[in-house]
Amino acid sequence: MTRPTDLSYYRQRQSPIFASTVDPRFSYCTYVPSGYVHGDGPPLPLAVLVHSTDRDAQYVRDEFVTWAEEHNVILYAPIFPAGIIDPEDVDNYKWLEYRGLRFDLLLLQMLEELRGIYNVDTERFLLTGFSGGAHFTHRFLFAHPARVMGASIAAPGVVTLLDPTRPWPVGVGGLEDALGVDLDLDEIRKTPVQLVIGDRDVETWEIGIPPGAPWYLPGVNDLETGRIERSDALRRSLEESGVSVRLDIVPGVAHEGRPLAPPTKRFFSDVLSGYTARAAGKVDS
C-alpha cells in the first residue's frame, strides 16, 4: 500500500476529526506520538479507543496521549454517530450489527484506510472501550480475536457471555449465522483480557433488561443485576472457557470512564511488553 511521502500538520499529534473515506457518515481522530518516523521502517503499534454512548472520542483519545507518548503507540478513536438509520438510536455500534450495517467490519475497513496514511500495525491492535464502548470491545473480541492484541473491557452495561449454548447476543451460539464468522476459542484464549469497573458502579436505570427482550438473561442481563455483577458473570464465562482474565475493581468510582483509564493503561503496557518480547524472540509465544 502506498502512503503519502510526508504528513500534513493536521495529521500529526492530536488530529482533528476526519471523515472516513470508507463511509463519510463515520469519522475518527488520531494521536501520533513524537517518536513516529514516517517511512517504511517497523510500524508502530496501535491502540483503538472506542467511545461510550456519549460519542466522546476526542476526550478518550486525549486521556491516553501521555501514555501513547511513553510507549510510542498511535491512538485511533473511531466515531460511530448516533442516529444512523434510526434518528433516535444511540446503541447501533454496540451490537456489531444493526439493520444490516456491520460496525465490526466497518472498523476493520477504517483501519485499512489508516494503514494507507501511517506506518502503523493494524493487523493486531490493542482495543478498549468504556460502557457502550465495552459492549463493542468484548463482542469484537469474540468475532475477531486474531486482530486483538489485548482487550480492556470497562464497565459494560449488557454482556454477551462466552457460552456457545446461548444464542447470540446473549451468548456466542450461532455466531456464524449471526455475523458470518466462526467462534475461534483457541484464538480468544491467546488474547489477554482485562475487565475494569468501579466499586460504586451500582445504578441499573439504563441497563435493566425486561423478560422477553432478545438479550434478556436471568441473573445476568435482567432488571435487578448491575454492572459489577454483569462484569463478574462475563469474567466467569471467560475463565470457564480457558481465557486468562485480569480484573481491576477501582475503589470509590461510580460509572465514570476517566478513573478507569489508569488500570487500562497499565494493562496495555503489560501487553505491549509481552508483545515486544515475543517479537524479539525473548519468550515463547
Protein backbone atom coordinates (compact mmCIF):
# COMPACT_ATOMS: atom_id res chain seq x y z
CA MET A 1 0.00 0.00 0.00
CA THR A 2 1.36 3.40 -1.00
CA ARG A 3 1.41 6.02 1.74
CA PRO A 4 1.96 9.75 1.30
CA THR A 5 5.63 10.76 1.43
CA ASP A 6 5.01 13.22 4.24
CA LEU A 7 2.32 14.15 6.74
CA SER A 8 0.40 17.37 6.85
CA TYR A 9 0.38 19.40 10.06
CA TYR A 10 -3.12 18.17 10.90
CA ARG A 11 -2.12 14.51 10.59
CA GLN A 12 0.46 14.90 13.35
CA ARG A 13 -0.03 14.74 17.11
CA GLN A 14 -3.70 15.31 18.03
CA SER A 15 -5.65 15.32 14.79
CA PRO A 16 -8.99 16.98 14.12
CA ILE A 17 -11.95 14.74 13.32
CA PHE A 18 -11.62 13.29 9.82
CA ALA A 19 -14.47 11.76 7.84
CA SER A 20 -13.67 8.23 6.77
CA THR A 21 -13.24 7.63 3.06
CA VAL A 22 -14.82 4.21 3.64
CA ASP A 23 -18.15 5.86 4.53
CA PRO A 24 -18.21 9.61 5.33
CA ARG A 25 -21.07 9.09 7.79
CA PHE A 26 -18.37 7.78 10.11
CA SER A 27 -15.24 9.54 11.29
CA TYR A 28 -12.21 9.28 13.54
CA CYS A 29 -9.45 11.18 15.29
CA THR A 30 -5.89 10.09 15.98
CA TYR A 31 -2.83 10.81 18.04
CA VAL A 32 0.61 10.28 16.54
CA PRO A 33 3.47 10.30 19.08
CA SER A 34 6.54 12.47 18.58
CA GLY A 35 8.68 9.34 18.12
CA TYR A 36 6.83 8.38 14.95
CA VAL A 37 9.01 8.10 11.84
CA HIS A 38 7.15 8.34 8.55
CA GLY A 39 8.58 5.81 6.16
CA ASP A 40 9.00 2.09 5.59
CA GLY A 41 10.63 1.06 8.86
CA PRO A 42 8.99 -1.07 11.57
CA PRO A 43 5.37 0.04 12.02
CA LEU A 44 4.21 1.46 15.32
CA PRO A 45 1.70 -0.45 17.45
CA LEU A 46 -1.88 0.77 17.53
CA ALA A 47 -4.45 1.28 20.30
CA VAL A 48 -8.10 1.57 19.24
CA LEU A 49 -10.23 3.50 21.73
CA VAL A 50 -13.99 3.03 21.32
CA HIS A 51 -16.23 5.78 22.64
CA SER A 52 -19.12 5.41 25.05
CA THR A 53 -22.75 6.18 24.18
CA ASP A 54 -21.84 9.87 24.55
CA ARG A 55 -19.57 9.63 21.46
CA ASP A 56 -16.74 11.18 23.48
CA ALA A 57 -14.00 10.04 21.10
CA GLN A 58 -11.72 13.10 21.34
CA TYR A 59 -11.97 13.12 25.13
CA VAL A 60 -10.99 9.45 25.29
CA ARG A 61 -8.15 9.98 22.82
CA ASP A 62 -6.76 12.86 24.87
CA GLU A 63 -6.87 10.77 28.06
CA PHE A 64 -4.35 8.32 26.51
CA VAL A 65 -1.97 10.85 24.91
CA THR A 66 0.71 10.80 27.62
CA TRP A 67 0.66 7.01 27.71
CA ALA A 68 0.97 6.89 23.89
CA GLU A 69 3.99 9.19 24.03
CA GLU A 70 5.67 7.00 26.63
CA HIS A 71 5.12 3.82 24.64
CA ASN A 72 5.35 5.19 21.08
CA VAL A 73 1.85 3.99 20.16
CA ILE A 74 -0.55 5.51 17.64
CA LEU A 75 -4.05 6.14 19.01
CA TYR A 76 -7.16 5.73 16.87
CA ALA A 77 -10.62 6.75 18.11
CA PRO A 78 -13.43 5.92 15.67
CA ILE A 79 -16.74 7.78 15.83
CA PHE A 80 -19.96 5.88 15.18
CA PRO A 81 -22.63 8.61 15.32
CA ALA A 82 -25.99 8.13 16.97
CA GLY A 83 -28.97 8.24 14.65
CA ILE A 84 -27.53 6.18 11.82
CA ILE A 85 -30.57 4.61 10.08
CA ASP A 86 -32.91 5.40 13.01
CA PRO A 87 -32.81 9.07 14.12
CA GLU A 88 -33.24 8.31 17.85
CA ASP A 89 -30.99 5.26 18.02
CA VAL A 90 -27.91 5.56 20.25
CA ASP A 91 -26.90 1.90 20.53
CA ASN A 92 -26.16 0.82 16.93
CA TYR A 93 -22.43 0.01 17.12
CA LYS A 94 -22.64 -1.82 20.45
CA TRP A 95 -24.04 -4.99 18.88
CA LEU A 96 -21.57 -5.05 15.92
CA GLU A 97 -24.54 -5.31 13.54
CA TYR A 98 -27.52 -3.00 13.25
CA ARG A 99 -30.13 -3.29 10.48
CA GLY A 100 -27.62 -4.76 8.08
CA LEU A 101 -24.79 -2.36 8.96
CA ARG A 102 -21.71 -4.19 10.28
CA PHE A 103 -19.76 -1.97 12.63
CA ASP A 104 -17.04 -4.57 13.23
CA LEU A 105 -16.26 -4.82 9.52
CA LEU A 106 -16.54 -1.05 9.21
CA LEU A 107 -13.83 -0.63 11.84
CA LEU A 108 -11.54 -3.05 10.02
CA GLN A 109 -12.07 -1.14 6.77
CA MET A 110 -11.36 2.15 8.53
CA LEU A 111 -8.13 0.71 9.92
CA GLU A 112 -7.09 -0.32 6.42
CA GLU A 113 -7.63 3.32 5.47
CA LEU A 114 -5.42 4.33 8.42
CA ARG A 115 -2.66 1.98 7.24
CA GLY A 116 -2.64 3.88 3.96
CA ILE A 117 -1.75 7.07 5.85
CA TYR A 118 0.58 5.99 8.64
CA ASN A 119 3.27 3.39 9.15
CA VAL A 120 1.21 1.52 11.74
CA ASP A 121 0.47 -2.11 12.54
CA THR A 122 -3.26 -2.63 12.05
CA GLU A 123 -3.14 -6.41 11.87
CA ARG A 124 -3.25 -6.86 15.64
CA PHE A 125 -4.07 -3.95 17.93
CA LEU A 126 -4.96 -3.02 21.48
CA LEU A 127 -8.68 -2.43 21.96
CA THR A 128 -10.63 -0.79 24.76
CA GLY A 129 -13.96 0.84 25.40
CA PHE A 130 -15.91 2.16 28.37
CA SER A 131 -19.64 1.49 28.86
CA GLY A 132 -21.10 1.38 25.34
CA GLY A 133 -17.56 1.02 24.03
CA ALA A 134 -17.12 -2.01 26.30
CA HIS A 135 -20.13 -3.61 24.59
CA PHE A 136 -18.34 -3.27 21.27
CA THR A 137 -14.96 -4.34 22.65
CA HIS A 138 -15.91 -7.74 24.04
CA ARG A 139 -18.17 -8.63 21.12
CA PHE A 140 -15.47 -7.62 18.64
CA LEU A 141 -13.04 -9.85 20.56
CA PHE A 142 -15.40 -12.80 20.18
CA ALA A 143 -15.88 -12.16 16.46
CA HIS A 144 -12.28 -11.22 15.52
CA PRO A 145 -9.87 -12.47 18.20
CA ALA A 146 -6.94 -12.78 15.79
CA ARG A 147 -6.99 -9.00 15.33
CA VAL A 148 -6.87 -8.14 19.05
CA MET A 149 -3.52 -7.90 20.85
CA GLY A 150 -5.24 -7.21 24.17
CA ALA A 151 -8.77 -6.18 25.17
CA SER A 152 -9.71 -3.93 28.09
CA ILE A 153 -13.46 -4.07 28.79
CA ALA A 154 -14.51 -1.20 31.06
CA ALA A 155 -17.92 -1.31 32.80
CA PRO A 156 -20.16 -2.82 30.11
CA GLY A 157 -23.91 -2.42 30.60
CA VAL A 158 -25.12 -5.58 28.82
CA VAL A 159 -22.79 -8.53 28.39
CA THR A 160 -22.51 -11.38 25.92
CA LEU A 161 -21.27 -14.48 27.69
CA LEU A 162 -18.65 -16.67 26.06
CA ASP A 163 -21.17 -19.51 26.14
CA PRO A 164 -21.91 -21.43 22.91
CA THR A 165 -25.10 -22.91 24.41
CA ARG A 166 -26.79 -19.48 24.46
CA PRO A 167 -27.82 -17.71 21.26
CA TRP A 168 -26.12 -14.53 20.09
CA PRO A 169 -26.02 -11.89 21.52
CA VAL A 170 -26.78 -13.37 24.96
CA GLY A 171 -24.07 -15.96 24.26
CA VAL A 172 -21.93 -16.89 21.29
CA GLY A 173 -24.15 -19.67 19.98
CA GLY A 174 -24.97 -19.18 16.31
CA LEU A 175 -22.19 -16.62 15.83
CA GLU A 176 -21.60 -17.89 12.29
CA ASP A 177 -25.27 -17.43 11.38
CA ALA A 178 -25.43 -14.01 13.03
CA LEU A 179 -22.18 -12.49 11.77
CA GLY A 180 -20.70 -14.96 9.30
CA VAL A 181 -17.65 -15.71 11.48
CA ASP A 182 -16.63 -18.88 13.28
CA LEU A 183 -16.10 -18.90 17.02
CA ASP A 184 -12.34 -19.39 17.50
CA LEU A 185 -11.90 -20.27 21.17
CA ASP A 186 -8.23 -21.10 20.71
CA GLU A 187 -7.52 -17.60 19.39
CA ILE A 188 -9.62 -15.97 22.13
CA ARG A 189 -7.59 -17.89 24.72
CA LYS A 190 -4.40 -16.35 23.30
CA THR A 191 -5.67 -12.82 23.87
CA PRO A 192 -5.00 -11.06 27.18
CA VAL A 193 -8.28 -9.70 28.58
CA GLN A 194 -8.95 -7.15 31.30
CA LEU A 195 -12.23 -6.28 33.00
CA VAL A 196 -12.22 -2.98 34.87
CA ILE A 197 -15.04 -1.33 36.83
CA GLY A 198 -15.61 0.98 39.79
CA ASP A 199 -16.83 -0.47 43.06
CA ARG A 200 -19.62 2.15 43.23
CA ASP A 201 -20.96 1.47 39.74
CA VAL A 202 -24.32 0.26 41.04
CA GLU A 203 -27.04 2.14 39.10
CA THR A 204 -29.23 -0.05 36.87
CA TRP A 205 -31.67 2.50 35.41
CA GLU A 206 -30.03 2.42 31.96
CA ILE A 207 -29.24 -1.27 31.69
CA GLY A 208 -32.23 -3.16 33.13
CA ILE A 209 -33.40 -5.75 30.58
CA PRO A 210 -37.02 -6.91 30.89
CA PRO A 211 -38.12 -10.50 30.25
CA GLY A 212 -38.84 -11.07 26.58
CA ALA A 213 -36.09 -8.80 25.27
CA PRO A 214 -33.73 -10.66 22.90
CA TRP A 215 -30.73 -10.09 25.17
CA TYR A 216 -32.50 -10.86 28.44
CA LEU A 217 -30.67 -13.38 30.62
CA PRO A 218 -31.97 -14.08 34.15
CA GLY A 219 -29.35 -13.31 36.75
CA VAL A 220 -27.07 -11.57 34.26
CA ASN A 221 -28.86 -9.12 31.96
CA ASP A 222 -32.03 -8.61 33.95
CA LEU A 223 -33.78 -5.74 35.69
CA GLU A 224 -32.03 -6.20 39.03
CA THR A 225 -28.45 -7.02 38.07
CA GLY A 226 -25.89 -4.21 37.99
CA ARG A 227 -22.71 -3.67 36.01
CA ILE A 228 -20.46 -5.18 38.68
CA GLU A 229 -22.41 -8.45 38.68
CA ARG A 230 -22.54 -8.45 34.89
CA SER A 231 -18.80 -7.90 34.59
CA ASP A 232 -18.27 -10.74 37.05
CA ALA A 233 -20.56 -13.02 35.01
CA LEU A 234 -18.54 -12.17 31.90
CA ARG A 235 -15.31 -12.88 33.78
CA ARG A 236 -16.56 -16.27 34.91
CA SER A 237 -17.68 -17.23 31.42
CA LEU A 238 -14.28 -16.25 30.01
CA GLU A 239 -12.37 -18.15 32.67
CA GLU A 240 -14.58 -21.22 32.28
CA SER A 241 -13.58 -21.20 28.60
CA GLY A 242 -9.89 -21.08 29.47
CA VAL A 243 -9.31 -17.35 28.93
CA SER A 244 -6.92 -15.58 31.28
CA VAL A 245 -8.70 -12.53 32.70
CA ARG A 246 -7.34 -9.65 34.75
CA LEU A 247 -9.99 -8.00 36.94
CA ASP A 248 -9.43 -4.46 38.26
CA ILE A 249 -12.04 -3.02 40.63
CA VAL A 250 -11.37 0.66 41.27
CA PRO A 251 -12.38 1.88 44.75
CA GLY A 252 -14.65 4.90 45.14
CA VAL A 253 -15.60 5.08 41.46
CA ALA A 254 -19.13 5.03 40.05
CA HIS A 255 -19.98 4.86 36.32
CA GLU A 256 -17.15 7.11 35.14
CA GLY A 257 -14.71 6.47 32.34
CA ARG A 258 -11.75 8.64 33.29
CA PRO A 259 -10.92 6.96 36.66
CA LEU A 260 -10.89 3.59 34.88
CA ALA A 261 -8.27 4.68 32.35
CA PRO A 262 -5.18 4.21 34.59
CA PRO A 263 -5.75 0.44 35.05
CA THR A 264 -6.32 0.11 31.32
CA LYS A 265 -3.03 1.91 30.60
CA ARG A 266 -1.17 -0.39 32.99
CA PHE A 267 -2.75 -3.42 31.33
CA PHE A 268 -1.86 -2.15 27.86
CA SER A 269 1.72 -1.51 28.99
CA ASP A 270 2.00 -5.10 30.19
CA VAL A 271 0.51 -6.46 26.97
CA LEU A 272 2.91 -4.39 24.88
CA SER A 273 5.87 -5.62 26.93
CA GLY A 274 4.93 -9.22 26.22
CA TYR A 275 4.26 -8.46 22.56
CA THR A 276 7.65 -6.75 22.17
CA ALA A 277 9.46 -9.60 23.91
CA ARG A 278 7.83 -12.17 21.62
CA ALA A 279 8.69 -10.11 18.55
CA ALA A 280 12.31 -10.06 19.71
CA GLY A 281 12.27 -13.82 20.28
CA LYS A 282 12.91 -13.50 24.02
CA VAL A 283 9.88 -15.51 25.19
CA ASP A 284 7.74 -18.30 23.83
CA SER A 285 4.53 -17.25 22.10
